Amino acid sequence: MALTAEAQFHVLAVDDSLIDRKLIERLLKTSSYQVTTVDSGSKALEFLGLQDDQSDSPSVSPYHQEIEVSLVITDYCMPGMTGYDLLKKIKETSSLKDIPVVIMSSENVPSRINRCLEEGAEEFFLKPVKLSDMEKLIPHIMKRRSTEQPKEEQQLKHSQQPQQTQQNDHNNLLVTAMATDSSINSSNSSNKRKAMDESLSPERPRPRCRVTA
C-alpha cells in the first residue's frame, strides 16, 4: 500500500545485519515510507534523542536528530542491546513511549513473542520480512496520530485562551469608552436644547405694582 507524498511517515529500522537492513529499507521505501537504518539499539536511542548510559532513565543525547519518527522496527537478536531491551527503553521514556515498536526475528519462539507483545510491541514479524508485512504498519502509525491530535488541539486551545482574554478585555474597554462618550454627548445635547428653549420662550409679563394713594 503506497502512501501519498503528503502522508509519508518516517520509520527507524534497527538491525545488526547489513543484508537484513538493506532488505527492510527496500521494502519500506517501496511502500513509500521514509527510512533511517542503524545497526544497534544504542544508535537507535541516540537517533531518537536519547543516549544509553546503562541507567534506568536514558538522558538526552547531544546528537539528537530533529526528525519525527513515526515507528521503530527492530531485530530481536542483536549484540549489546537486544530488540527487547530497546523496546523497554522506548516504553519507559515518557517522550518516546507513544512511538509504535515492531519486533523482527528469524526464530519463532512463542515465549519471546509474548514477552515483547506484553511489553508494548505492536507486532512481531518473522524473518524474512515480506512486503505484505509493511501493510500492517500503517494502522499502528495512524492510531498514534489519532491519539496525538486531540492533545495538540487542546494545547492550541490553551495557548489561544490568554490572547482571547486580552481581546475580550480590549473590547470591553472600547465598549465602555464608547458608552461614556455617548452619555456625555447626550448630556451636552440635552443642555444645549434646554438653553435654546429658554432663549426662544416669550418673556412673561412682570406683575405691575399697585400704587396706593
N, C-alpha and C. Protein backbone atom coordinates (compact mmCIF):
# COMPACT_ATOMS: atom_id res chain seq x y z
N MET A 1 0.85 -1.20 0.00
CA MET A 1 0.00 0.00 0.00
C MET A 1 0.88 1.24 0.00
N ALA A 2 0.88 1.98 -1.07
CA ALA A 2 1.72 3.18 -1.18
C ALA A 2 1.03 4.36 -0.51
N LEU A 3 1.83 5.21 0.08
CA LEU A 3 1.32 6.41 0.74
C LEU A 3 1.52 7.60 -0.17
N THR A 4 0.65 8.58 -0.03
CA THR A 4 0.82 9.81 -0.80
C THR A 4 2.00 10.58 -0.24
N ALA A 5 2.52 11.50 -1.04
CA ALA A 5 3.69 12.28 -0.60
C ALA A 5 3.37 13.09 0.64
N GLU A 6 2.10 13.55 0.74
CA GLU A 6 1.73 14.37 1.88
C GLU A 6 1.63 13.54 3.16
N ALA A 7 1.41 12.21 3.01
CA ALA A 7 1.18 11.37 4.17
C ALA A 7 2.36 10.47 4.49
N GLN A 8 3.54 10.79 3.99
CA GLN A 8 4.70 9.95 4.24
C GLN A 8 5.06 9.95 5.72
N PHE A 9 5.47 8.77 6.20
CA PHE A 9 5.88 8.61 7.59
C PHE A 9 7.33 8.14 7.64
N HIS A 10 7.98 8.45 8.76
CA HIS A 10 9.40 8.12 8.91
C HIS A 10 9.55 6.91 9.83
N VAL A 11 10.20 5.87 9.32
CA VAL A 11 10.41 4.64 10.07
C VAL A 11 11.89 4.48 10.39
N LEU A 12 12.19 4.17 11.64
CA LEU A 12 13.56 3.88 12.07
C LEU A 12 13.72 2.36 12.12
N ALA A 13 14.59 1.82 11.26
CA ALA A 13 14.83 0.37 11.20
C ALA A 13 16.15 0.04 11.88
N VAL A 14 16.11 -0.95 12.78
CA VAL A 14 17.29 -1.30 13.58
C VAL A 14 17.62 -2.78 13.37
N ASP A 15 18.83 -3.05 12.87
CA ASP A 15 19.26 -4.44 12.65
C ASP A 15 20.78 -4.47 12.53
N ASP A 16 21.41 -5.43 13.21
CA ASP A 16 22.87 -5.51 13.13
C ASP A 16 23.35 -6.19 11.85
N SER A 17 22.43 -6.82 11.11
CA SER A 17 22.78 -7.47 9.85
C SER A 17 22.63 -6.49 8.69
N LEU A 18 23.70 -6.27 7.94
CA LEU A 18 23.65 -5.36 6.80
C LEU A 18 22.65 -5.83 5.76
N ILE A 19 22.62 -7.14 5.50
CA ILE A 19 21.70 -7.69 4.49
C ILE A 19 20.26 -7.45 4.90
N ASP A 20 19.95 -7.72 6.17
CA ASP A 20 18.57 -7.51 6.65
C ASP A 20 18.20 -6.03 6.66
N ARG A 21 19.16 -5.16 6.98
CA ARG A 21 18.89 -3.72 6.94
C ARG A 21 18.54 -3.27 5.53
N LYS A 22 19.31 -3.74 4.55
CA LYS A 22 19.05 -3.37 3.16
C LYS A 22 17.68 -3.88 2.71
N LEU A 23 17.33 -5.09 3.15
CA LEU A 23 16.04 -5.66 2.76
C LEU A 23 14.89 -4.85 3.34
N ILE A 24 14.94 -4.56 4.63
CA ILE A 24 13.84 -3.82 5.26
C ILE A 24 13.77 -2.40 4.71
N GLU A 25 14.93 -1.82 4.41
CA GLU A 25 14.94 -0.47 3.83
C GLU A 25 14.26 -0.47 2.47
N ARG A 26 14.55 -1.48 1.66
CA ARG A 26 13.95 -1.54 0.32
C ARG A 26 12.44 -1.74 0.41
N LEU A 27 12.00 -2.61 1.32
CA LEU A 27 10.57 -2.87 1.48
C LEU A 27 9.84 -1.62 1.96
N LEU A 28 10.43 -0.91 2.90
CA LEU A 28 9.80 0.30 3.43
C LEU A 28 9.72 1.40 2.37
N LYS A 29 10.79 1.58 1.61
CA LYS A 29 10.78 2.60 0.56
C LYS A 29 9.82 2.24 -0.55
N THR A 30 9.69 0.95 -0.85
CA THR A 30 8.70 0.51 -1.85
C THR A 30 7.29 0.86 -1.39
N SER A 31 7.09 0.84 -0.08
CA SER A 31 5.78 1.19 0.48
C SER A 31 5.66 2.69 0.76
N SER A 32 6.62 3.47 0.25
CA SER A 32 6.60 4.95 0.32
C SER A 32 6.87 5.50 1.72
N TYR A 33 7.53 4.73 2.56
CA TYR A 33 7.95 5.26 3.85
C TYR A 33 9.32 5.92 3.71
N GLN A 34 9.56 6.94 4.51
CA GLN A 34 10.91 7.47 4.66
C GLN A 34 11.62 6.57 5.68
N VAL A 35 12.88 6.28 5.43
CA VAL A 35 13.57 5.28 6.24
C VAL A 35 14.93 5.79 6.72
N THR A 36 15.23 5.49 7.98
CA THR A 36 16.58 5.64 8.52
C THR A 36 16.96 4.29 9.11
N THR A 37 18.16 3.78 8.78
CA THR A 37 18.60 2.49 9.30
C THR A 37 19.82 2.69 10.20
N VAL A 38 19.85 1.95 11.30
CA VAL A 38 21.01 1.93 12.21
C VAL A 38 21.30 0.48 12.56
N ASP A 39 22.53 0.20 13.04
CA ASP A 39 22.93 -1.18 13.27
C ASP A 39 22.95 -1.61 14.73
N SER A 40 22.42 -0.77 15.62
CA SER A 40 22.40 -1.15 17.04
C SER A 40 21.32 -0.40 17.80
N GLY A 41 20.94 -0.96 18.95
CA GLY A 41 19.93 -0.32 19.78
C GLY A 41 20.41 1.00 20.36
N SER A 42 21.70 1.08 20.70
CA SER A 42 22.23 2.33 21.26
C SER A 42 22.19 3.45 20.23
N LYS A 43 22.48 3.13 18.97
CA LYS A 43 22.40 4.15 17.92
C LYS A 43 20.95 4.56 17.66
N ALA A 44 20.04 3.62 17.83
CA ALA A 44 18.62 3.94 17.67
C ALA A 44 18.18 4.93 18.74
N LEU A 45 18.60 4.69 19.99
CA LEU A 45 18.26 5.61 21.08
C LEU A 45 18.87 6.98 20.83
N GLU A 46 20.08 6.99 20.32
CA GLU A 46 20.75 8.26 20.03
C GLU A 46 20.00 9.02 18.96
N PHE A 47 19.54 8.32 17.93
CA PHE A 47 18.78 8.97 16.86
C PHE A 47 17.45 9.51 17.39
N LEU A 48 16.87 8.80 18.35
CA LEU A 48 15.60 9.22 18.94
C LEU A 48 15.77 10.36 19.95
N GLY A 49 17.02 10.72 20.22
CA GLY A 49 17.26 11.84 21.12
C GLY A 49 17.71 11.44 22.50
N LEU A 50 18.04 10.16 22.68
CA LEU A 50 18.48 9.67 23.98
C LEU A 50 19.83 8.99 23.83
N GLN A 51 20.50 8.85 24.97
CA GLN A 51 21.75 8.09 24.95
C GLN A 51 21.71 7.06 26.06
N ASP A 52 22.14 5.87 25.76
CA ASP A 52 22.11 4.78 26.73
C ASP A 52 23.31 4.88 27.65
N ASP A 53 23.05 5.22 28.91
CA ASP A 53 24.15 5.33 29.87
C ASP A 53 24.09 4.23 30.92
N GLN A 54 23.40 3.12 30.55
CA GLN A 54 23.26 1.96 31.43
C GLN A 54 22.43 2.27 32.67
N SER A 55 21.70 3.37 32.65
CA SER A 55 20.84 3.71 33.79
C SER A 55 19.40 3.43 33.41
N ASP A 56 18.51 3.51 34.41
CA ASP A 56 17.11 3.23 34.14
C ASP A 56 16.46 4.33 33.33
N SER A 57 17.00 5.54 33.41
CA SER A 57 16.41 6.67 32.69
C SER A 57 17.42 7.23 31.70
N PRO A 58 17.28 6.89 30.42
CA PRO A 58 18.21 7.43 29.41
C PRO A 58 18.18 8.94 29.41
N SER A 59 19.34 9.55 29.18
CA SER A 59 19.44 11.01 29.17
C SER A 59 19.40 11.54 27.75
N VAL A 60 19.19 12.85 27.63
CA VAL A 60 19.10 13.46 26.31
C VAL A 60 20.45 13.43 25.61
N SER A 61 20.43 13.05 24.35
CA SER A 61 21.67 12.97 23.58
C SER A 61 21.96 14.29 22.90
N PRO A 62 23.23 14.73 22.88
CA PRO A 62 23.58 15.97 22.17
C PRO A 62 23.53 15.79 20.66
N TYR A 63 23.40 14.56 20.19
CA TYR A 63 23.38 14.27 18.76
C TYR A 63 21.96 14.01 18.25
N HIS A 64 20.99 14.45 19.03
CA HIS A 64 19.59 14.21 18.66
C HIS A 64 19.27 14.75 17.27
N GLN A 65 18.60 13.90 16.47
CA GLN A 65 18.18 14.29 15.13
C GLN A 65 16.77 14.88 15.20
N GLU A 66 16.59 16.05 14.62
CA GLU A 66 15.29 16.72 14.67
C GLU A 66 14.37 16.12 13.60
N ILE A 67 14.04 14.84 13.75
CA ILE A 67 13.17 14.14 12.82
C ILE A 67 12.11 13.41 13.63
N GLU A 68 10.87 13.56 13.23
CA GLU A 68 9.79 12.86 13.92
C GLU A 68 9.72 11.42 13.42
N VAL A 69 9.98 10.49 14.30
CA VAL A 69 9.93 9.07 13.95
C VAL A 69 8.51 8.55 14.19
N SER A 70 7.92 7.98 13.16
CA SER A 70 6.54 7.51 13.25
C SER A 70 6.45 6.09 13.80
N LEU A 71 7.53 5.30 13.59
CA LEU A 71 7.51 3.90 14.02
C LEU A 71 8.94 3.37 14.07
N VAL A 72 9.20 2.45 15.00
CA VAL A 72 10.50 1.79 15.10
C VAL A 72 10.30 0.31 14.82
N ILE A 73 11.09 -0.24 13.90
CA ILE A 73 11.07 -1.68 13.64
C ILE A 73 12.47 -2.21 13.90
N THR A 74 12.58 -3.18 14.80
CA THR A 74 13.90 -3.62 15.25
C THR A 74 14.03 -5.14 15.30
N ASP A 75 15.23 -5.61 15.00
CA ASP A 75 15.54 -7.02 15.14
C ASP A 75 15.57 -7.38 16.63
N TYR A 76 15.24 -8.62 16.94
CA TYR A 76 15.25 -9.04 18.34
C TYR A 76 16.66 -9.39 18.80
N CYS A 77 17.35 -10.23 18.04
CA CYS A 77 18.69 -10.70 18.43
C CYS A 77 19.77 -9.77 17.90
N MET A 78 20.32 -8.94 18.78
CA MET A 78 21.42 -8.06 18.42
C MET A 78 22.43 -8.05 19.57
N PRO A 79 23.71 -7.93 19.27
CA PRO A 79 24.72 -7.87 20.34
C PRO A 79 24.59 -6.58 21.15
N GLY A 80 24.92 -6.66 22.43
CA GLY A 80 24.81 -5.48 23.28
C GLY A 80 23.37 -5.29 23.73
N MET A 81 22.66 -4.41 23.08
CA MET A 81 21.26 -4.16 23.40
C MET A 81 20.36 -4.94 22.44
N THR A 82 19.56 -5.84 22.96
CA THR A 82 18.64 -6.60 22.11
C THR A 82 17.44 -5.74 21.71
N GLY A 83 16.65 -6.26 20.78
CA GLY A 83 15.44 -5.55 20.39
C GLY A 83 14.47 -5.41 21.54
N TYR A 84 14.44 -6.41 22.41
CA TYR A 84 13.58 -6.35 23.59
C TYR A 84 14.05 -5.25 24.55
N ASP A 85 15.36 -5.14 24.73
CA ASP A 85 15.91 -4.07 25.59
C ASP A 85 15.58 -2.69 25.02
N LEU A 86 15.70 -2.56 23.71
CA LEU A 86 15.37 -1.29 23.06
C LEU A 86 13.90 -0.96 23.24
N LEU A 87 13.05 -1.97 23.09
CA LEU A 87 11.61 -1.79 23.29
C LEU A 87 11.33 -1.27 24.69
N LYS A 88 11.97 -1.87 25.70
CA LYS A 88 11.75 -1.45 27.08
C LYS A 88 12.21 -0.01 27.31
N LYS A 89 13.37 0.34 26.75
CA LYS A 89 13.88 1.71 26.90
C LYS A 89 12.89 2.72 26.33
N ILE A 90 12.36 2.41 25.16
CA ILE A 90 11.41 3.32 24.50
C ILE A 90 10.14 3.48 25.33
N LYS A 91 9.61 2.37 25.81
CA LYS A 91 8.35 2.40 26.55
C LYS A 91 8.52 2.99 27.95
N GLU A 92 9.75 3.02 28.46
CA GLU A 92 10.00 3.61 29.78
C GLU A 92 10.29 5.10 29.71
N THR A 93 10.42 5.62 28.50
CA THR A 93 10.75 7.04 28.31
C THR A 93 9.49 7.80 27.93
N SER A 94 9.11 8.78 28.74
CA SER A 94 7.83 9.47 28.54
C SER A 94 7.71 10.13 27.17
N SER A 95 8.81 10.66 26.66
CA SER A 95 8.76 11.36 25.37
C SER A 95 8.71 10.41 24.18
N LEU A 96 8.97 9.12 24.42
CA LEU A 96 9.03 8.15 23.31
C LEU A 96 7.99 7.04 23.42
N LYS A 97 7.36 6.89 24.57
CA LYS A 97 6.54 5.71 24.83
C LYS A 97 5.37 5.53 23.86
N ASP A 98 4.96 6.61 23.20
CA ASP A 98 3.83 6.51 22.27
C ASP A 98 4.26 6.09 20.87
N ILE A 99 5.57 5.99 20.61
CA ILE A 99 6.03 5.56 19.29
C ILE A 99 5.79 4.06 19.15
N PRO A 100 5.08 3.62 18.11
CA PRO A 100 4.86 2.18 17.90
C PRO A 100 6.18 1.46 17.63
N VAL A 101 6.33 0.27 18.22
CA VAL A 101 7.53 -0.54 18.03
C VAL A 101 7.14 -1.91 17.51
N VAL A 102 7.82 -2.35 16.46
CA VAL A 102 7.60 -3.68 15.86
C VAL A 102 8.90 -4.47 15.98
N ILE A 103 8.79 -5.73 16.40
CA ILE A 103 9.95 -6.59 16.57
C ILE A 103 10.03 -7.59 15.41
N MET A 104 11.27 -7.86 14.95
CA MET A 104 11.51 -8.88 13.92
C MET A 104 12.44 -9.94 14.49
N SER A 105 12.24 -11.19 14.05
CA SER A 105 13.14 -12.26 14.48
C SER A 105 13.05 -13.43 13.49
N SER A 106 14.17 -14.12 13.33
CA SER A 106 14.19 -15.31 12.47
C SER A 106 13.79 -16.56 13.26
N GLU A 107 13.60 -16.42 14.56
CA GLU A 107 13.25 -17.55 15.42
C GLU A 107 11.82 -17.39 15.92
N ASN A 108 11.04 -18.43 15.71
CA ASN A 108 9.64 -18.43 16.14
C ASN A 108 9.55 -19.03 17.54
N VAL A 109 9.77 -18.19 18.53
CA VAL A 109 9.75 -18.63 19.93
C VAL A 109 8.55 -17.98 20.62
N PRO A 110 7.48 -18.74 20.91
CA PRO A 110 6.26 -18.16 21.48
C PRO A 110 6.49 -17.33 22.74
N SER A 111 7.34 -17.81 23.64
CA SER A 111 7.58 -17.07 24.89
C SER A 111 8.22 -15.71 24.60
N ARG A 112 9.10 -15.67 23.61
CA ARG A 112 9.75 -14.42 23.22
C ARG A 112 8.74 -13.46 22.60
N ILE A 113 7.90 -14.02 21.75
CA ILE A 113 6.87 -13.19 21.09
C ILE A 113 5.93 -12.59 22.14
N ASN A 114 5.45 -13.43 23.06
CA ASN A 114 4.51 -12.97 24.09
C ASN A 114 5.15 -11.91 24.98
N ARG A 115 6.42 -12.11 25.31
CA ARG A 115 7.10 -11.15 26.18
C ARG A 115 7.18 -9.78 25.52
N CYS A 116 7.48 -9.76 24.22
CA CYS A 116 7.56 -8.48 23.50
C CYS A 116 6.20 -7.80 23.40
N LEU A 117 5.17 -8.59 23.10
CA LEU A 117 3.83 -8.03 22.98
C LEU A 117 3.35 -7.49 24.33
N GLU A 118 3.66 -8.19 25.41
CA GLU A 118 3.27 -7.73 26.74
C GLU A 118 4.01 -6.45 27.14
N GLU A 119 5.21 -6.29 26.62
CA GLU A 119 6.00 -5.09 26.94
C GLU A 119 5.54 -3.88 26.13
N GLY A 120 4.72 -4.11 25.10
CA GLY A 120 4.17 -2.98 24.34
C GLY A 120 4.44 -3.00 22.85
N ALA A 121 5.06 -4.07 22.33
CA ALA A 121 5.29 -4.16 20.88
C ALA A 121 3.95 -4.30 20.15
N GLU A 122 3.85 -3.65 19.00
CA GLU A 122 2.61 -3.70 18.22
C GLU A 122 2.51 -4.98 17.39
N GLU A 123 3.64 -5.43 16.87
CA GLU A 123 3.67 -6.62 16.01
C GLU A 123 4.96 -7.38 16.27
N PHE A 124 4.95 -8.64 15.87
CA PHE A 124 6.17 -9.47 15.90
C PHE A 124 6.24 -10.18 14.56
N PHE A 125 7.18 -9.73 13.70
CA PHE A 125 7.32 -10.30 12.36
C PHE A 125 8.40 -11.38 12.36
N LEU A 126 8.13 -12.46 11.63
CA LEU A 126 9.14 -13.49 11.42
C LEU A 126 9.91 -13.19 10.15
N LYS A 127 11.23 -13.30 10.21
CA LYS A 127 12.07 -13.09 9.04
C LYS A 127 12.03 -14.32 8.13
N PRO A 128 12.20 -14.12 6.83
CA PRO A 128 12.42 -12.83 6.17
C PRO A 128 11.13 -12.01 6.10
N VAL A 129 11.26 -10.72 6.37
CA VAL A 129 10.11 -9.81 6.32
C VAL A 129 9.65 -9.65 4.89
N LYS A 130 8.33 -9.60 4.70
CA LYS A 130 7.74 -9.52 3.36
C LYS A 130 7.08 -8.16 3.15
N LEU A 131 6.79 -7.87 1.90
CA LEU A 131 6.14 -6.60 1.56
C LEU A 131 4.76 -6.52 2.21
N SER A 132 4.08 -7.65 2.32
CA SER A 132 2.75 -7.66 2.95
C SER A 132 2.83 -7.26 4.42
N ASP A 133 3.98 -7.50 5.05
CA ASP A 133 4.14 -7.08 6.45
C ASP A 133 4.14 -5.56 6.59
N MET A 134 4.62 -4.88 5.56
CA MET A 134 4.68 -3.42 5.60
C MET A 134 3.29 -2.81 5.66
N GLU A 135 2.31 -3.52 5.09
CA GLU A 135 0.94 -3.01 5.11
C GLU A 135 0.35 -3.02 6.51
N LYS A 136 0.94 -3.81 7.40
CA LYS A 136 0.43 -3.89 8.77
C LYS A 136 0.92 -2.74 9.65
N LEU A 137 1.84 -1.95 9.13
CA LEU A 137 2.43 -0.88 9.94
C LEU A 137 1.52 0.35 10.02
N ILE A 138 0.88 0.69 8.91
CA ILE A 138 0.14 1.95 8.84
C ILE A 138 -0.96 2.08 9.89
N PRO A 139 -1.73 1.00 10.23
CA PRO A 139 -2.75 1.17 11.27
C PRO A 139 -2.17 1.61 12.62
N HIS A 140 -0.99 1.09 12.95
CA HIS A 140 -0.37 1.46 14.23
C HIS A 140 0.09 2.92 14.21
N ILE A 141 0.59 3.37 13.05
CA ILE A 141 1.01 4.77 12.93
C ILE A 141 -0.20 5.69 13.01
N MET A 142 -1.27 5.32 12.31
CA MET A 142 -2.47 6.16 12.30
C MET A 142 -3.13 6.19 13.67
N LYS A 143 -3.05 5.08 14.40
CA LYS A 143 -3.63 5.05 15.75
C LYS A 143 -2.92 6.04 16.65
N ARG A 144 -1.61 6.12 16.51
CA ARG A 144 -0.85 7.09 17.31
C ARG A 144 -1.23 8.50 16.91
N ARG A 145 -1.37 8.74 15.60
CA ARG A 145 -1.74 10.09 15.13
C ARG A 145 -3.11 10.50 15.68
N SER A 146 -4.04 9.55 15.72
CA SER A 146 -5.39 9.88 16.18
C SER A 146 -5.42 10.22 17.66
N THR A 147 -4.49 9.63 18.44
CA THR A 147 -4.43 9.95 19.87
C THR A 147 -3.67 11.24 20.13
N GLU A 148 -2.74 11.60 19.24
CA GLU A 148 -1.95 12.82 19.42
C GLU A 148 -2.73 14.06 19.01
N GLN A 149 -3.63 13.93 18.03
CA GLN A 149 -4.33 15.11 17.50
C GLN A 149 -5.16 15.83 18.56
N PRO A 150 -5.97 15.11 19.39
CA PRO A 150 -6.70 15.83 20.44
C PRO A 150 -5.78 16.56 21.41
N LYS A 151 -4.60 15.96 21.71
CA LYS A 151 -3.64 16.63 22.61
C LYS A 151 -3.14 17.92 21.99
N GLU A 152 -2.84 17.88 20.69
CA GLU A 152 -2.34 19.08 20.01
C GLU A 152 -3.42 20.16 19.97
N GLU A 153 -4.68 19.74 19.72
CA GLU A 153 -5.78 20.71 19.68
C GLU A 153 -6.00 21.33 21.06
N GLN A 154 -5.86 20.51 22.12
CA GLN A 154 -6.03 21.02 23.48
C GLN A 154 -4.94 22.02 23.82
N GLN A 155 -3.69 21.70 23.42
CA GLN A 155 -2.58 22.62 23.67
C GLN A 155 -2.78 23.93 22.92
N LEU A 156 -3.26 23.83 21.67
CA LEU A 156 -3.52 25.03 20.88
C LEU A 156 -4.62 25.87 21.52
N LYS A 157 -5.64 25.20 22.05
CA LYS A 157 -6.75 25.91 22.69
C LYS A 157 -6.26 26.66 23.91
N HIS A 158 -5.41 26.00 24.73
CA HIS A 158 -4.87 26.65 25.92
C HIS A 158 -3.99 27.83 25.56
N SER A 159 -3.22 27.70 24.48
CA SER A 159 -2.32 28.78 24.09
C SER A 159 -3.09 29.98 23.56
N GLN A 160 -4.30 29.75 23.03
CA GLN A 160 -5.09 30.84 22.47
C GLN A 160 -5.93 31.54 23.52
N GLN A 161 -6.16 30.89 24.69
CA GLN A 161 -7.02 31.48 25.71
C GLN A 161 -6.52 32.83 26.23
N PRO A 162 -5.21 32.99 26.56
CA PRO A 162 -4.75 34.31 27.01
C PRO A 162 -4.97 35.40 25.97
N GLN A 163 -4.75 35.06 24.68
CA GLN A 163 -4.95 36.04 23.62
C GLN A 163 -6.42 36.43 23.53
N GLN A 164 -7.31 35.43 23.67
CA GLN A 164 -8.74 35.71 23.60
C GLN A 164 -9.17 36.57 24.77
N THR A 165 -8.61 36.29 25.97
CA THR A 165 -8.94 37.07 27.15
C THR A 165 -8.51 38.52 26.98
N GLN A 166 -7.30 38.73 26.44
CA GLN A 166 -6.82 40.09 26.19
C GLN A 166 -7.71 40.80 25.19
N GLN A 167 -8.14 40.08 24.15
CA GLN A 167 -9.00 40.69 23.14
C GLN A 167 -10.34 41.08 23.74
N ASN A 168 -10.90 40.19 24.60
CA ASN A 168 -12.17 40.48 25.25
C ASN A 168 -12.06 41.70 26.16
N ASP A 169 -10.95 41.78 26.92
CA ASP A 169 -10.73 42.94 27.79
C ASP A 169 -10.64 44.22 26.97
N HIS A 170 -9.95 44.15 25.84
CA HIS A 170 -9.82 45.32 24.97
C HIS A 170 -11.18 45.74 24.44
N ASN A 171 -11.99 44.75 24.03
CA ASN A 171 -13.32 45.05 23.50
C ASN A 171 -14.21 45.66 24.58
N ASN A 172 -14.11 45.13 25.81
CA ASN A 172 -14.92 45.67 26.91
C ASN A 172 -14.55 47.12 27.22
N LEU A 173 -13.26 47.42 27.22
CA LEU A 173 -12.81 48.79 27.45
C LEU A 173 -13.31 49.71 26.35
N LEU A 174 -13.27 49.21 25.11
CA LEU A 174 -13.72 50.01 23.98
C LEU A 174 -15.21 50.31 24.08
N VAL A 175 -16.00 49.29 24.44
CA VAL A 175 -17.45 49.48 24.58
C VAL A 175 -17.75 50.46 25.70
N THR A 176 -17.04 50.33 26.83
CA THR A 176 -17.24 51.24 27.96
C THR A 176 -16.92 52.68 27.58
N ALA A 177 -15.81 52.86 26.85
CA ALA A 177 -15.41 54.20 26.43
C ALA A 177 -16.45 54.80 25.49
N MET A 178 -16.95 53.98 24.57
CA MET A 178 -17.96 54.47 23.62
C MET A 178 -19.24 54.83 24.35
N ALA A 179 -19.63 54.02 25.34
CA ALA A 179 -20.85 54.30 26.09
C ALA A 179 -20.71 55.59 26.89
N THR A 180 -19.55 55.78 27.50
CA THR A 180 -19.30 57.01 28.27
C THR A 180 -19.33 58.23 27.37
N ASP A 181 -18.69 58.12 26.21
CA ASP A 181 -18.67 59.23 25.26
C ASP A 181 -20.07 59.55 24.76
N SER A 182 -20.86 58.49 24.53
CA SER A 182 -22.23 58.70 24.06
C SER A 182 -23.06 59.38 25.13
N SER A 183 -22.82 58.99 26.40
CA SER A 183 -23.57 59.59 27.50
C SER A 183 -23.23 61.08 27.64
N ILE A 184 -21.95 61.40 27.51
CA ILE A 184 -21.52 62.80 27.60
C ILE A 184 -22.13 63.62 26.48
N ASN A 185 -22.09 63.08 25.25
CA ASN A 185 -22.65 63.79 24.11
C ASN A 185 -24.14 64.00 24.27
N SER A 186 -24.82 62.96 24.82
CA SER A 186 -26.26 63.08 25.02
C SER A 186 -26.57 64.15 26.05
N SER A 187 -25.77 64.21 27.12
CA SER A 187 -25.98 65.22 28.17
C SER A 187 -25.74 66.62 27.63
N ASN A 188 -24.67 66.77 26.83
CA ASN A 188 -24.37 68.08 26.25
C ASN A 188 -25.50 68.54 25.32
N SER A 189 -26.01 67.60 24.52
CA SER A 189 -27.10 67.94 23.59
C SER A 189 -28.33 68.36 24.36
N SER A 190 -28.61 67.67 25.48
CA SER A 190 -29.79 68.00 26.28
C SER A 190 -29.65 69.39 26.89
N ASN A 191 -28.46 69.72 27.38
CA ASN A 191 -28.24 71.04 27.97
C ASN A 191 -28.38 72.14 26.93
N LYS A 192 -27.82 71.88 25.72
CA LYS A 192 -27.93 72.87 24.66
C LYS A 192 -29.39 73.08 24.26
N ARG A 193 -30.15 71.99 24.19
CA ARG A 193 -31.55 72.10 23.79
C ARG A 193 -32.34 72.87 24.84
N LYS A 194 -32.02 72.64 26.12
CA LYS A 194 -32.72 73.34 27.19
C LYS A 194 -32.43 74.83 27.15
N ALA A 195 -31.15 75.15 26.91
CA ALA A 195 -30.78 76.57 26.85
C ALA A 195 -31.45 77.25 25.67
N MET A 196 -31.54 76.53 24.55
CA MET A 196 -32.17 77.11 23.35
C MET A 196 -33.65 77.33 23.58
N ASP A 197 -34.31 76.37 24.24
CA ASP A 197 -35.74 76.52 24.50
C ASP A 197 -36.01 77.72 25.40
N GLU A 198 -35.13 77.91 26.38
CA GLU A 198 -35.33 79.02 27.30
C GLU A 198 -35.13 80.36 26.59
N SER A 199 -34.19 80.40 25.63
CA SER A 199 -33.92 81.66 24.94
C SER A 199 -35.05 82.01 23.97
N LEU A 200 -35.74 80.98 23.46
CA LEU A 200 -36.81 81.24 22.49
C LEU A 200 -38.16 81.44 23.16
N SER A 201 -38.33 81.13 24.41
CA SER A 201 -39.64 81.25 25.06
C SER A 201 -39.95 82.73 25.30
N PRO A 202 -41.26 83.20 25.11
CA PRO A 202 -41.62 84.62 25.31
C PRO A 202 -41.46 85.02 26.76
N GLU A 203 -41.09 86.29 26.94
CA GLU A 203 -40.92 86.78 28.30
C GLU A 203 -42.28 86.91 28.98
N ARG A 204 -42.29 86.47 30.20
CA ARG A 204 -43.54 86.58 30.95
C ARG A 204 -43.75 88.04 31.38
N PRO A 205 -45.03 88.54 31.35
CA PRO A 205 -45.28 89.92 31.80
C PRO A 205 -44.99 90.05 33.29
N ARG A 206 -44.28 91.12 33.60
CA ARG A 206 -43.96 91.34 35.00
C ARG A 206 -45.18 91.90 35.72
N PRO A 207 -45.42 91.47 36.89
CA PRO A 207 -46.58 92.00 37.63
C PRO A 207 -46.38 93.48 37.96
N ARG A 208 -47.44 94.26 37.72
CA ARG A 208 -47.36 95.69 37.99
C ARG A 208 -47.58 95.96 39.48
N CYS A 209 -46.85 96.94 39.94
CA CYS A 209 -47.01 97.31 41.35
C CYS A 209 -48.19 98.27 41.48
N ARG A 210 -49.06 97.97 42.36
CA ARG A 210 -50.21 98.84 42.58
C ARG A 210 -49.79 99.98 43.51
N VAL A 211 -50.12 101.22 43.03
CA VAL A 211 -49.75 102.39 43.83
C VAL A 211 -50.93 102.76 44.70
N THR A 212 -50.72 102.87 45.94
CA THR A 212 -51.80 103.20 46.88
C THR A 212 -51.68 104.66 47.26
N ALA A 213 -52.83 105.37 47.11
CA ALA A 213 -52.81 106.80 47.44
C ALA A 213 -52.64 106.99 48.92
